[in-house]
């Protein structure tokens, strides 16, 4: 009996101790990591802080009406303007044989967003929001409306600045894009489909996203739709870090991928627009392409980096500096060129007239060249020389050239002068391995495995020294363009 009592007493003791431990644990604060995982961000204070500086932008354009011009039902036009942020396509009315003479009529063109840069009325938005507008109307969150003057717009970066006559306005704070981290919460405010002061939120999906445009973008999963263009992307400190500009979509609506212009690049552009009304950019006059892994390994560059120079404009700063087709630009002003898009951004941000250094990889060696930056000109169509040479006098194909599927001849002096080349051999025919590598009749081969060739004889000698167990790199010219081909000769 005594033994049973002691056992019951022990069980009671253990149970009491366990309950005490559980109670104590329940009172302990959760670990920081666990607490942070449970807490979701609250954007209410950010909306109160930044919302007053975000504006709605409506644009109006003048269109010719009458005498065959389209007429649109006014109620349907208003419906499309309010809910889709753009005018409805015109539908001509029937049974109107006697139309008045054409007259200009103002019509709503579209809806966008913007944000106030300074208390004296400078507003930033996208260039495509105000492009083609005859009148720009800016509406503040307090419902005040102003006619705006377009200070300047830059299509390359899609940044525009407009000015309204007002003072004492709430302005945004500009953030530091370099401190923005992937996975960080961000918020957007804008007018999607004309719905003013709409707030959406998400995270930063990627930075420095290269979409082929002039600037690298911030990618987010924040819901952005037509009408959000030009609105701010805001971090959790209430600072603007980007301008909402583009979306990836197969339907025309949001699909989870949005792109914003980094605010540091946008401010740099806006400063020039406010000072000069336009943006001045540098240029060196070269056409560039990507360096593939196979080409990098075959020419001894190792890592696939830099910008391959496919062509150099006559009389350009690049030509005067000694840059040649086939060069690979690896550095500009000491900054590494990891991918081709890095070069135009660095050169474009350099003030015209500046003397800069360019490092090129040529024939297995690095060379430093000095170039004086010129001012960029409007884009022009690339002028190409004929891909086909009309001269005659083809030389019989040699055994070495045949092994690559090539029929070659020495380049005539007249064509060499026309193309401004020091050497090269002309491709009279390309079959088999050469054709598969992309070579064709009329191309001019400039180098074989980093060895320049000025005649068919030199081509044969260079090919004889090449390692036949690996693809042979051929630098060739086609019109104004230079590029590499990797050809595996038949054994």
Protein backbone atom coordinates (compact mmCIF):
# COMPACT_ATOMS: atom_id res chain seq x y z
CA UNK A 1 0.00 0.00 0.00
CA UNK A 2 2.81 2.33 0.87
CA UNK A 3 4.53 1.54 -2.45
CA UNK A 4 1.39 2.42 -4.38
CA UNK A 5 1.09 5.76 -2.57
CA UNK A 6 4.70 6.69 -3.38
CA UNK A 7 4.19 5.87 -7.03
CA UNK A 8 1.08 8.07 -7.22
CA UNK A 9 2.98 10.87 -5.48
CA UNK A 10 5.82 10.56 -8.03
CA UNK A 11 3.40 10.68 -10.94
CA UNK A 12 1.79 13.83 -9.52
CA UNK A 13 5.21 15.44 -9.14
CA UNK A 14 6.21 14.65 -12.73
CA UNK A 15 2.90 15.95 -14.05
CA UNK A 16 3.22 19.18 -12.07
CA UNK A 17 6.77 19.74 -13.32
CA UNK A 18 5.70 19.12 -16.91
CA UNK A 19 2.84 21.60 -16.59
CA UNK A 20 5.21 24.17 -15.12
CA UNK A 21 7.63 23.74 -18.04
CA UNK A 22 4.79 24.08 -20.58
CA UNK A 23 3.46 27.18 -18.82
CA UNK A 24 6.90 28.77 -18.68
CA UNK A 25 7.55 27.98 -22.35
CA UNK A 26 4.24 29.52 -23.33
CA UNK A 27 5.24 32.74 -21.59
CA UNK A 28 8.62 32.97 -23.34
CA UNK A 29 8.81 35.31 -26.36
CA UNK A 30 8.94 33.66 -29.79
CA UNK A 31 12.30 33.58 -31.55
CA UNK A 32 12.96 36.56 -33.85
CA UNK A 33 13.00 34.36 -36.97
CA UNK A 34 9.65 32.77 -36.06
CA UNK A 35 8.08 36.10 -35.16
CA UNK A 36 9.30 37.69 -38.37
CA UNK A 37 7.90 34.84 -40.43
CA UNK A 38 4.44 35.35 -38.89
CA UNK A 39 4.28 39.15 -39.33
CA UNK A 40 3.08 40.47 -42.70
CA UNK A 41 3.89 44.03 -43.81
CA UNK A 42 1.41 46.82 -43.19
CA UNK A 43 1.30 49.37 -46.03
CA UNK A 44 -1.18 51.80 -44.48
CA UNK A 45 1.43 54.27 -43.22
CA UNK A 46 3.22 54.18 -46.59
CA UNK A 47 0.01 55.02 -48.42
CA UNK A 48 -0.59 57.98 -46.10
CA UNK A 49 3.01 59.10 -46.57
CA UNK A 50 3.43 58.75 -50.35
CA UNK A 51 -0.15 58.80 -51.63
CA UNK A 52 -0.53 62.62 -51.67
CA UNK A 53 2.43 62.90 -54.09
CA UNK A 54 1.05 60.43 -56.67
CA UNK A 55 -0.98 61.99 -59.49
CA UNK A 56 -3.29 60.91 -62.27
CA UNK A 57 -2.32 61.99 -65.79
CA UNK A 58 -4.84 62.30 -68.62
CA UNK A 59 -3.82 63.20 -72.14
CA UNK A 60 -5.81 64.72 -74.97
CA UNK A 61 -5.01 64.70 -78.67
CA UNK A 62 -6.43 66.65 -81.58
CA UNK A 63 -7.91 64.55 -84.38
CA UNK A 64 -9.54 65.48 -87.67
CA UNK A 65 -13.31 64.95 -87.79
CA UNK A 66 -15.91 65.08 -90.53
CA UNK A 67 -15.70 64.27 -94.24
CA UNK A 68 -15.19 60.56 -93.76
CA UNK A 69 -13.56 60.75 -90.35
CA UNK A 70 -14.68 58.24 -87.73
CA UNK A 71 -17.39 59.26 -85.30
CA UNK A 72 -17.87 57.44 -82.01
CA UNK A 73 -20.84 57.20 -79.69
CA UNK A 74 -19.99 59.55 -76.80
CA UNK A 75 -21.26 57.25 -74.06
CA UNK A 76 -19.22 54.30 -75.35
CA UNK A 77 -16.19 56.57 -75.72
CA UNK A 78 -16.50 57.64 -72.09
CA UNK A 79 -16.90 54.00 -70.98
CA UNK A 80 -13.67 53.00 -72.73
CA UNK A 81 -11.81 56.01 -71.39
CA UNK A 82 -12.78 55.36 -67.77
CA UNK A 83 -12.36 51.61 -67.63
CA UNK A 84 -9.63 50.88 -70.18
CA UNK A 85 -7.52 54.04 -69.99
CA UNK A 86 -7.67 54.60 -73.74
CA UNK A 87 -10.10 55.84 -76.38
CA UNK A 88 -12.38 53.42 -78.17
CA UNK A 89 -11.45 52.72 -81.82
CA UNK A 90 -13.55 54.87 -84.13
CA UNK A 91 -16.59 53.34 -85.88
CA UNK A 92 -17.94 55.38 -88.82
CA UNK A 93 -21.67 56.06 -88.91
CA UNK A 94 -23.66 55.16 -92.00
CA UNK A 95 -26.06 57.27 -94.03
CA UNK A 96 -24.19 60.61 -93.70
CA UNK A 97 -23.52 61.58 -97.36
CA UNK A 98 -23.14 65.31 -96.74
CA UNK A 99 -20.41 65.65 -94.13
CA UNK A 100 -18.91 68.97 -93.04
CA UNK A 101 -15.34 69.92 -93.88
CA UNK A 102 -12.68 68.25 -91.68
CA UNK A 103 -12.22 69.94 -88.32
CA UNK A 104 -9.90 69.33 -85.40
CA UNK A 105 -11.55 67.84 -82.36
CA UNK A 106 -10.00 67.13 -78.98
CA UNK A 107 -10.38 63.58 -77.76
CA UNK A 108 -9.22 61.71 -74.66
CA UNK A 109 -6.07 59.79 -75.60
CA UNK A 110 -5.26 57.78 -72.49
CA UNK A 111 -4.68 57.65 -68.76
CA UNK A 112 -1.43 57.22 -66.86
CA UNK A 113 0.19 57.98 -63.55
CA UNK A 114 3.01 60.12 -62.22
CA UNK A 115 4.53 61.47 -59.04
CA UNK A 116 5.62 64.89 -57.82
CA UNK A 117 9.39 65.37 -57.80
CA UNK A 118 9.53 68.80 -56.17
CA UNK A 119 7.13 71.14 -54.33
CA UNK A 120 7.26 73.64 -57.21
CA UNK A 121 5.36 71.35 -59.59
CA UNK A 122 7.78 69.10 -61.49
CA UNK A 123 6.14 65.71 -62.12
CA UNK A 124 7.82 62.54 -63.41
CA UNK A 125 6.07 59.97 -65.60
CA UNK A 126 6.72 57.70 -68.60
CA UNK A 127 7.51 59.14 -72.01
CA UNK A 128 4.93 56.88 -73.65
CA UNK A 129 2.22 58.35 -71.39
CA UNK A 130 2.60 61.86 -72.86
CA UNK A 131 3.83 60.96 -76.36
CA UNK A 132 1.65 62.51 -79.07
CA UNK A 133 -0.49 64.44 -76.58
CA UNK A 134 -1.65 67.93 -77.49
CA UNK A 135 -2.71 68.56 -73.89
CA UNK A 136 -1.72 66.97 -70.56
CA UNK A 137 -3.96 67.19 -67.50
CA UNK A 138 -2.63 66.37 -64.04
CA UNK A 139 -5.08 65.59 -61.23
CA UNK A 140 -3.87 65.60 -57.62
CA UNK A 141 -5.30 63.28 -54.94
CA UNK A 142 -7.17 66.29 -53.49
CA UNK A 143 -8.99 66.55 -56.88
CA UNK A 144 -7.27 69.73 -58.00
CA UNK A 145 -6.60 69.61 -61.75
CA UNK A 146 -3.84 71.43 -63.68
CA UNK A 147 -2.84 71.77 -67.31
CA UNK A 148 0.75 70.59 -67.56
CA UNK A 149 3.61 71.64 -69.81
CA UNK A 150 5.86 68.88 -71.17
CA UNK A 151 9.39 69.81 -70.09
CA UNK A 152 10.98 66.93 -71.97
CA UNK A 153 10.66 63.25 -72.79
CA UNK A 154 13.29 60.62 -73.51
CA UNK A 155 12.07 57.61 -75.50
CA UNK A 156 15.21 55.53 -74.91
CA UNK A 157 14.62 55.37 -71.16
CA UNK A 158 10.85 56.04 -71.31
CA UNK A 159 11.19 58.92 -68.83
CA UNK A 160 9.33 62.23 -69.09
CA UNK A 161 9.00 65.34 -66.93
CA UNK A 162 5.99 67.67 -66.98
CA UNK A 163 5.44 70.93 -65.06
CA UNK A 164 2.30 72.27 -63.40
CA UNK A 165 1.87 75.79 -62.04
CA UNK A 166 1.58 75.09 -58.32
CA UNK A 167 3.71 75.44 -55.20
CA UNK A 168 3.87 73.85 -51.79
CA UNK A 169 3.09 70.42 -53.21
CA UNK A 170 3.90 67.15 -51.39
CA UNK A 171 6.96 65.56 -53.04
CA UNK A 172 8.29 62.02 -52.93
CA UNK A 173 11.54 60.92 -51.29
CA UNK A 174 14.03 59.27 -53.62
CA UNK A 175 15.53 55.98 -52.42
CA UNK A 176 18.86 54.25 -53.00
CA UNK A 177 18.40 51.53 -55.63
CA UNK A 178 21.74 49.94 -54.72
CA UNK A 179 20.28 48.99 -51.33
CA UNK A 180 17.22 47.35 -52.85
CA UNK A 181 17.27 43.58 -52.28
CA UNK A 182 15.63 40.73 -54.15
CA UNK A 183 12.72 39.47 -52.03
CA UNK A 184 12.10 42.88 -50.45
CA UNK A 185 8.50 44.11 -50.18
CA UNK A 186 7.53 47.00 -52.47
CA UNK A 187 4.34 48.89 -53.26
CA UNK A 188 2.89 50.67 -56.28
CA UNK A 189 0.32 53.46 -56.49
CA UNK A 190 -1.30 54.45 -59.77
CA UNK A 191 -4.42 54.59 -61.94
CA UNK A 192 -4.89 51.16 -63.57
CA UNK A 193 -7.72 51.34 -66.11
CA UNK A 194 -8.34 54.89 -64.89
CA UNK A 195 -9.08 53.81 -61.31
CA UNK A 196 -7.22 56.56 -59.43
CA UNK A 197 -5.12 56.02 -56.29
CA UNK A 198 -5.05 52.23 -56.58
CA UNK A 199 -2.51 50.54 -54.28
CA UNK A 200 -0.90 47.16 -55.08
CA UNK A 201 2.03 45.38 -53.44
CA UNK A 202 4.48 42.52 -53.95
CA UNK A 203 8.18 41.72 -53.79
CA UNK A 204 11.27 42.46 -55.87
CA UNK A 205 11.69 39.46 -58.17
CA UNK A 206 15.03 40.46 -59.76
CA UNK A 207 17.37 43.40 -60.24
CA UNK A 208 19.31 44.50 -63.31
CA UNK A 209 16.89 42.60 -65.54
CA UNK A 210 18.02 43.02 -69.15
CA UNK A 211 15.05 43.16 -71.52
CA UNK A 212 16.96 44.61 -74.48
CA UNK A 213 16.07 48.19 -73.64
CA UNK A 214 18.53 50.95 -72.83
CA UNK A 215 18.22 50.48 -69.08
CA UNK A 216 18.27 47.42 -66.81
CA UNK A 217 14.92 47.05 -65.04
CA UNK A 218 13.70 46.16 -61.57
CA UNK A 219 11.42 43.12 -61.91
CA UNK A 220 8.59 42.69 -59.40
CA UNK A 221 5.39 40.72 -59.00
CA UNK A 222 3.44 43.87 -58.08
CA UNK A 223 0.15 44.03 -60.01
CA UNK A 224 0.66 46.60 -62.78
CA UNK A 225 -1.92 47.24 -65.51
CA UNK A 226 -2.60 49.85 -68.23
CA UNK A 227 -2.87 53.19 -66.44
CA UNK A 228 -0.20 52.33 -63.85
CA UNK A 229 2.51 53.52 -66.26
CA UNK A 230 4.54 56.36 -64.80
CA UNK A 231 3.56 55.68 -61.19
CA UNK A 232 6.09 55.10 -58.40
CA UNK A 233 7.49 51.85 -57.04
CA UNK A 234 7.97 52.40 -53.29
CA UNK A 235 10.07 50.55 -50.71
CA UNK A 236 9.08 49.95 -47.08
CA UNK A 237 10.81 53.18 -46.02
CA UNK A 238 8.40 55.21 -48.15
CA UNK A 239 11.05 56.01 -50.78
CA UNK A 240 10.59 55.82 -54.55
CA UNK A 241 12.96 53.25 -56.07
CA UNK A 242 11.49 52.97 -59.56
CA UNK A 243 8.97 54.07 -62.18
CA UNK A 244 6.44 51.42 -63.19
CA UNK A 245 6.87 51.11 -66.93
CA UNK A 246 6.19 47.70 -68.49
CA UNK A 247 4.58 44.32 -67.94
CA UNK A 248 5.08 40.92 -69.50
CA UNK A 249 1.71 39.75 -70.75
CA UNK A 250 0.15 37.43 -73.29
CA UNK A 251 -3.34 38.74 -72.61
CA UNK A 252 -2.75 42.48 -72.25
CA UNK A 253 -3.30 42.30 -68.49
CA UNK A 254 -1.12 41.56 -65.48
CA UNK A 255 0.49 38.09 -65.41
CA UNK A 256 2.80 38.38 -62.39
CA UNK A 257 5.82 40.02 -64.06
CA UNK A 258 6.26 43.80 -64.00
CA UNK A 259 9.22 46.02 -64.81
CA UNK A 260 10.22 49.36 -63.30
CA UNK A 261 12.85 51.89 -64.34
CA UNK A 262 15.47 52.29 -61.57
CA UNK A 263 14.98 55.71 -59.99
CA UNK A 264 18.68 56.61 -60.03
CA UNK A 265 18.73 56.30 -63.84
CA UNK A 266 15.43 58.17 -64.10
CA UNK A 267 16.70 61.06 -61.96
CA UNK A 268 19.82 61.34 -64.10
CA UNK A 269 17.60 61.66 -67.16
CA UNK A 270 15.16 64.05 -65.51
CA UNK A 271 17.98 66.38 -64.45
CA UNK A 272 19.01 66.76 -68.10
CA UNK A 273 15.42 67.17 -69.25
CA UNK A 274 14.86 69.94 -66.73
CA UNK A 275 18.12 71.68 -67.60
CA UNK A 276 18.19 71.27 -71.40
CA UNK A 277 14.86 69.78 -72.46
CA UNK A 278 16.64 66.75 -73.92
CA UNK A 279 19.20 64.09 -72.99
CA UNK A 280 22.75 64.20 -74.31
CA UNK A 281 24.42 60.78 -74.61
CA UNK A 282 27.80 59.54 -75.69
CA UNK A 283 28.57 57.24 -78.61
CA UNK A 284 31.65 55.61 -80.12
CA UNK A 285 30.11 54.32 -83.36
CA UNK A 286 30.40 50.55 -83.12
CA UNK A 287 27.85 47.77 -83.72
CA UNK A 288 28.12 45.03 -81.14
CA UNK A 289 26.93 41.50 -80.50
CA UNK A 290 27.12 38.77 -77.87
CA UNK A 291 30.23 36.67 -77.24
CA UNK A 292 29.19 33.03 -77.03
CA UNK A 293 30.90 30.46 -74.83
CA UNK A 294 32.17 28.48 -77.82
CA UNK A 295 33.68 31.58 -79.46
CA UNK A 296 35.29 32.70 -76.19
CA UNK A 297 36.96 29.31 -75.73
CA UNK A 298 38.08 29.02 -79.35
CA UNK A 299 39.85 32.40 -79.45
CA UNK A 300 41.44 32.10 -76.00
CA UNK A 301 39.23 34.61 -74.20
CA UNK A 302 38.14 31.90 -71.79
CA UNK A 303 35.05 33.40 -70.18
CA UNK A 304 32.09 34.44 -72.34
CA UNK A 305 32.13 38.15 -71.60
CA UNK A 306 32.49 41.50 -73.33
CA UNK A 307 30.91 42.93 -76.48
CA UNK A 308 31.89 41.60 -79.90
CA UNK A 309 32.46 44.43 -82.38
CA UNK A 310 30.68 43.48 -85.59
CA UNK A 311 31.11 46.79 -87.35
CA UNK A 312 32.74 50.19 -86.96
CA UNK A 313 31.21 53.30 -88.53
CA UNK A 314 33.44 55.21 -90.92
CA UNK A 315 34.85 58.36 -89.30
CA UNK A 316 33.44 57.43 -85.90
CA UNK A 317 35.32 57.81 -82.60
CA UNK A 318 35.74 54.02 -82.55
CA UNK A 319 37.46 53.97 -85.94
CA UNK A 320 39.71 56.90 -84.98
CA UNK A 321 40.66 55.08 -81.77
CA UNK A 322 41.69 51.97 -83.72
CA UNK A 323 38.80 49.66 -82.83
CA UNK A 324 38.39 46.98 -85.49
CA UNK A 325 35.61 44.54 -86.45
CA UNK A 326 36.22 41.31 -84.56
CA UNK A 327 37.56 43.04 -81.46
CA UNK A 328 35.94 42.13 -78.17
CA UNK A 329 35.54 45.12 -75.85
CA UNK A 330 36.13 43.85 -72.31
CA UNK A 331 36.40 47.16 -70.41
CA UNK A 332 35.29 50.75 -70.74
CA UNK A 333 36.92 53.34 -68.48
CA UNK A 334 38.13 50.51 -66.28
CA UNK A 335 34.65 49.04 -65.83
CA UNK A 336 34.19 45.43 -66.93
CA UNK A 337 31.80 44.65 -69.78
CA UNK A 338 30.08 41.43 -68.76
CA UNK A 339 27.42 41.48 -71.49
CA UNK A 340 26.90 43.55 -74.66
CA UNK A 341 24.18 45.76 -73.15
CA UNK A 342 26.65 47.04 -70.54
CA UNK A 343 28.63 48.96 -73.18
CA UNK A 344 25.94 51.31 -74.58
CA UNK A 345 24.81 52.14 -71.05
CA UNK A 346 28.31 53.07 -69.91
CA UNK A 347 29.12 54.98 -73.11
CA UNK A 348 25.70 56.64 -73.16
CA UNK A 349 26.16 57.97 -69.62
CA UNK A 350 29.53 59.49 -70.56
CA UNK A 351 29.54 63.18 -71.44
CA UNK A 352 30.35 63.85 -75.11
CA UNK A 353 33.89 65.15 -75.54
CA UNK A 354 35.25 63.00 -72.70
CA UNK A 355 38.41 60.99 -73.38
CA UNK A 356 37.89 57.43 -72.22
CA UNK A 357 39.85 54.18 -72.27
CA UNK A 358 38.68 51.04 -74.03
CA UNK A 359 40.24 47.61 -73.51
CA UNK A 360 39.85 45.19 -76.43
CA UNK A 361 40.75 41.54 -76.89
CA UNK A 362 42.31 41.09 -80.35
CA UNK A 363 44.08 38.05 -81.77
CA UNK A 364 44.72 36.58 -78.36
CA UNK A 365 45.97 39.79 -76.70
CA UNK A 366 44.48 42.63 -74.68
CA UNK A 367 45.03 46.17 -75.94
CA UNK A 368 44.18 49.53 -74.37
CA UNK A 369 42.88 52.22 -76.72
CA UNK A 370 41.88 55.84 -76.12
CA UNK A 371 38.61 57.11 -77.57
CA UNK A 372 36.99 60.55 -77.53
CA UNK A 373 33.27 60.24 -76.94
CA UNK A 374 30.94 61.85 -79.49
CA UNK A 375 27.30 62.81 -79.00
CA UNK A 376 24.72 60.22 -79.98
CA UNK A 377 22.71 60.84 -83.12
CA UNK A 378 19.18 59.72 -84.03
CA UNK A 379 19.05 56.06 -84.94
CA UNK A 380 19.67 55.41 -88.63
CA UNK A 381 19.09 52.26 -90.62
CA UNK A 382 22.25 50.21 -90.89
CA UNK A 383 23.86 50.70 -94.27
CA UNK A 384 24.92 47.37 -95.64
CA UNK A 385 27.23 46.65 -98.52
CA UNK A 386 26.17 44.01 -101.02
CA UNK A 387 26.54 40.49 -99.75
CA UNK A 388 27.43 39.35 -103.24
CA UNK A 389 30.65 40.26 -105.05
CA UNK A 390 30.31 40.66 -108.80
CA UNK A 391 34.00 40.34 -109.61
CA UNK A 392 35.32 37.25 -111.34
CA UNK A 393 38.56 35.29 -111.22
CA UNK A 394 37.77 32.55 -108.71
CA UNK A 395 40.75 30.49 -107.68
CA UNK A 396 40.45 26.70 -107.55
CA UNK A 397 39.57 25.42 -104.10
CA UNK A 398 42.49 23.94 -102.16
CA UNK A 399 42.37 20.68 -100.19
CA UNK A 400 42.43 22.50 -96.83
CA UNK A 401 39.59 24.84 -97.81
CA UNK A 402 37.61 21.90 -99.23
CA UNK A 403 37.85 20.12 -95.89
CA UNK A 404 35.84 23.02 -94.44
CA UNK A 405 33.43 23.23 -97.37
CA UNK A 406 34.95 26.48 -98.65
CA UNK A 407 35.94 27.78 -102.05
CA UNK A 408 38.13 30.88 -101.61
CA UNK A 409 39.86 33.53 -103.68
CA UNK A 410 42.07 36.50 -102.95
CA UNK A 411 40.12 39.67 -102.23
CA UNK A 412 40.33 42.14 -105.14
CA UNK A 413 42.05 45.42 -104.35
CA UNK A 414 38.96 47.41 -105.33
CA UNK A 415 36.76 45.53 -102.86
CA UNK A 416 39.42 45.76 -100.16
CA UNK A 417 39.49 49.55 -100.56
CA UNK A 418 35.70 49.73 -100.60
CA UNK A 419 35.43 47.75 -97.37
CA UNK A 420 38.45 49.56 -95.86
CA UNK A 421 40.21 46.29 -95.06
CA UNK A 422 43.91 45.53 -94.79
CA UNK A 423 43.50 41.90 -95.81
CA UNK A 424 41.06 39.03 -96.06
CA UNK A 425 40.01 36.30 -98.48
CA UNK A 426 36.71 36.10 -100.31
CA UNK A 427 34.30 33.18 -99.94
CA UNK A 428 33.23 32.05 -103.42
CA UNK A 429 31.16 29.14 -102.13
CA UNK A 430 30.27 27.63 -98.75
CA UNK A 431 28.96 24.10 -98.29
CA UNK A 432 28.99 21.31 -95.70
CA UNK A 433 30.70 22.38 -92.43
CA UNK A 434 31.17 26.02 -93.51
CA UNK A 435 27.51 26.38 -94.50
CA UNK A 436 26.38 24.79 -91.25
CA UNK A 437 28.52 27.33 -89.37
CA UNK A 438 26.71 30.18 -91.15
CA UNK A 439 29.23 31.16 -93.84
CA UNK A 440 28.00 31.99 -97.31
CA UNK A 441 29.15 33.29 -100.67
CA UNK A 442 30.38 36.89 -100.55
CA UNK A 443 31.70 36.74 -96.97
CA UNK A 444 35.27 37.92 -96.36
CA UNK A 445 37.38 35.86 -93.94
CA UNK A 446 39.73 38.10 -91.94
CA UNK A 447 41.39 35.70 -89.49
CA UNK A 448 41.84 31.99 -88.76
CA UNK A 449 42.28 31.05 -85.08
CA UNK A 450 43.41 34.60 -84.17
CA UNK A 451 45.82 34.75 -87.15
CA UNK A 452 45.09 37.48 -89.71
CA UNK A 453 45.05 36.36 -93.34
CA UNK A 454 45.51 38.53 -96.43
CA UNK A 455 45.52 35.81 -99.10
CA UNK A 456 44.41 32.25 -99.76
CA UNK A 457 48.01 31.13 -99.23
CA UNK A 458 48.05 32.70 -95.76
CA UNK A 459 44.67 31.12 -95.03
CA UNK A 460 46.09 27.68 -95.89
CA UNK A 461 49.14 28.26 -93.68
CA UNK A 462 47.02 29.38 -90.72
CA UNK A 463 44.63 26.47 -91.12
CA UNK A 464 47.53 24.01 -91.24
CA UNK A 465 48.60 25.17 -87.77
CA UNK A 466 45.10 24.92 -86.30
CA UNK A 467 44.10 22.07 -84.01
CA UNK A 468 41.84 19.88 -86.18
CA UNK A 469 40.44 18.12 -83.10
CA UNK A 470 38.57 21.31 -82.17
CA UNK A 471 36.32 23.69 -84.13
CA UNK A 472 38.35 26.36 -85.93
CA UNK A 473 37.31 29.97 -85.28
CA UNK A 474 36.97 32.13 -88.39
CA UNK A 475 36.52 35.88 -88.08
CA UNK A 476 34.62 37.04 -91.15
CA UNK A 477 33.01 40.17 -92.52
CA UNK A 478 29.57 40.32 -94.13
CA UNK A 479 28.76 43.75 -95.47
CA UNK A 480 29.44 46.15 -92.60
CA UNK A 481 29.25 43.42 -89.95
CA UNK A 482 31.99 41.24 -88.50
CA UNK A 483 31.35 38.04 -86.57
CA UNK A 484 32.84 34.66 -85.67
CA UNK A 485 32.01 31.23 -87.08
CA UNK A 486 33.16 27.94 -85.57
CA UNK A 487 33.88 25.36 -88.30
CA UNK A 488 34.91 21.73 -87.71
CA UNK A 489 36.97 20.60 -90.73
CA UNK A 490 36.41 17.14 -92.16
CA UNK A 491 39.25 14.74 -91.28
